[in-house]
């Protein structure tokens, strides 16, 4: 499956756990092997790209409170 441009119509989704403070990320899947992440306050800004496996590992660790905080 080829990559498609990430636009406002690309299916960006914000977590249902996002609060009203605006400190949120949005996630889109523009291609089968890519998960894109961006800052919801800066939709035209930089994006991070992860493999689905890496994103799933991060999301699982974050959801299970297994990430260390500094």
C-alpha atoms as a PDB file:
ATOM      1  CA  UNK A   1       0.000   0.000   0.000  1.00  0.00           C
ATOM      2  CA  UNK A   2       1.444   3.404  -0.935  1.00  0.00           C
ATOM      3  CA  UNK A   3       1.722   6.413   1.309  1.00  0.00           C
ATOM      4  CA  UNK A   4      -0.805   9.200   0.872  1.00  0.00           C
ATOM      5  CA  UNK A   5      -0.351  12.875   1.801  1.00  0.00           C
ATOM      6  CA  UNK A   6      -1.246  13.763   5.374  1.00  0.00           C
ATOM      7  CA  UNK A   7      -3.895  16.460   5.214  1.00  0.00           C
ATOM      8  CA  UNK A   8      -6.723  17.511   7.491  1.00  0.00           C
ATOM      9  CA  UNK A   9      -8.822  14.894   5.717  1.00  0.00           C
ATOM     10  CA  UNK A  10      -6.336  12.052   6.326  1.00  0.00           C
ATOM     11  CA  UNK A  11      -8.077  10.696   9.362  1.00  0.00           C
ATOM     12  CA  UNK A  12      -6.180  12.275  12.224  1.00  0.00           C
ATOM     13  CA  UNK A  13      -7.592  11.106  15.552  1.00  0.00           C
ATOM     14  CA  UNK A  14      -7.203  12.504  19.046  1.00  0.00           C
ATOM     15  CA  UNK A  15      -7.361  10.201  22.052  1.00  0.00           C
ATOM     16  CA  UNK A  16     -10.677   9.943  23.856  1.00  0.00           C
ATOM     17  CA  UNK A  17      -8.606  10.520  27.019  1.00  0.00           C
ATOM     18  CA  UNK A  18      -7.522  13.983  25.841  1.00  0.00           C
ATOM     19  CA  UNK A  19      -8.477  16.726  28.217  1.00  0.00           C
ATOM     20  CA  UNK A  20      -9.475  20.347  27.610  1.00  0.00           C
ATOM     21  CA  UNK A  21      -5.938  21.682  28.296  1.00  0.00           C
ATOM     22  CA  UNK A  22      -4.846  21.231  24.669  1.00  0.00           C
ATOM     23  CA  UNK A  23      -1.796  19.072  25.459  1.00  0.00           C
ATOM     24  CA  UNK A  24      -2.707  16.360  22.989  1.00  0.00           C
ATOM     25  CA  UNK A  25      -1.284  14.393  20.141  1.00  0.00           C
ATOM     26  CA  UNK A  26      -3.143  13.198  17.091  1.00  0.00           C
ATOM     27  CA  UNK A  27      -2.492   9.952  15.259  1.00  0.00           C
ATOM     28  CA  UNK A  28      -3.067   8.963  11.629  1.00  0.00           C
ATOM     29  CA  UNK A  29      -2.262   5.862   9.589  1.00  0.00           C
ATOM     30  CA  UNK A  30      -1.395   7.150   6.102  1.00  0.00           C
ATOM     31  CA  UNK A  31       0.045   3.808   4.950  1.00  0.00           C
ATOM     32  CA  UNK A  32      -0.028   0.215   6.106  1.00  0.00           C
ATOM     33  CA  UNK A  33       3.507   0.387   7.564  1.00  0.00           C
ATOM     34  CA  UNK A  34       3.356   3.914   9.036  1.00  0.00           C
ATOM     35  CA  UNK A  35       1.777   5.515  12.100  1.00  0.00           C
ATOM     36  CA  UNK A  36       2.097   9.317  12.086  1.00  0.00           C
ATOM     37  CA  UNK A  37       1.890  11.458  15.229  1.00  0.00           C
ATOM     38  CA  UNK A  38       1.564  15.244  15.483  1.00  0.00           C
ATOM     39  CA  UNK A  39       0.896  17.946  18.076  1.00  0.00           C
ATOM     40  CA  UNK A  40      -2.797  18.834  17.952  1.00  0.00           C
ATOM     41  CA  UNK A  41      -1.982  22.514  18.607  1.00  0.00           C
ATOM     42  CA  UNK A  42       0.293  22.633  15.539  1.00  0.00           C
ATOM     43  CA  UNK A  43      -1.329  20.518  12.808  1.00  0.00           C
ATOM     44  CA  UNK A  44       0.955  21.956  10.109  1.00  0.00           C
ATOM     45  CA  UNK A  45       4.065  21.341  12.222  1.00  0.00           C
ATOM     46  CA  UNK A  46       6.458  18.413  12.321  1.00  0.00           C
ATOM     47  CA  UNK A  47       5.267  14.830  12.456  1.00  0.00           C
ATOM     48  CA  UNK A  48       6.856  11.726  13.861  1.00  0.00           C
ATOM     49  CA  UNK A  49       6.562   8.449  11.960  1.00  0.00           C
ATOM     50  CA  UNK A  50       6.663   5.045  13.630  1.00  0.00           C
ATOM     51  CA  UNK A  51       6.224   1.460  12.557  1.00  0.00           C
ATOM     52  CA  UNK A  52       2.911   0.007  13.739  1.00  0.00           C
ATOM     53  CA  UNK A  53       4.813  -2.349  16.096  1.00  0.00           C
ATOM     54  CA  UNK A  54       6.783   0.516  17.677  1.00  0.00           C
ATOM     55  CA  UNK A  55       3.643   2.615  18.121  1.00  0.00           C
ATOM     56  CA  UNK A  56       1.741  -0.318  19.632  1.00  0.00           C
ATOM     57  CA  UNK A  57       4.580  -0.946  22.100  1.00  0.00           C
ATOM     58  CA  UNK A  58       4.667   2.735  23.111  1.00  0.00           C
ATOM     59  CA  UNK A  59       0.889   3.057  23.430  1.00  0.00           C
ATOM     60  CA  UNK A  60       0.723  -0.150  25.466  1.00  0.00           C
ATOM     61  CA  UNK A  61       3.456   1.038  27.827  1.00  0.00           C
ATOM     62  CA  UNK A  62       1.900   4.499  28.171  1.00  0.00           C
ATOM     63  CA  UNK A  63      -1.549   3.061  28.814  1.00  0.00           C
ATOM     64  CA  UNK A  64      -0.188   0.686  31.436  1.00  0.00           C
ATOM     65  CA  UNK A  65       1.791   3.401  33.277  1.00  0.00           C
ATOM     66  CA  UNK A  66       5.035   1.548  32.502  1.00  0.00           C
ATOM     67  CA  UNK A  67       6.903   4.640  31.288  1.00  0.00           C
ATOM     68  CA  UNK A  68       9.440   6.276  33.575  1.00  0.00           C
ATOM     69  CA  UNK A  69       8.970   9.952  34.340  1.00  0.00           C
ATOM     70  CA  UNK A  70      11.871  12.312  34.849  1.00  0.00           C
END
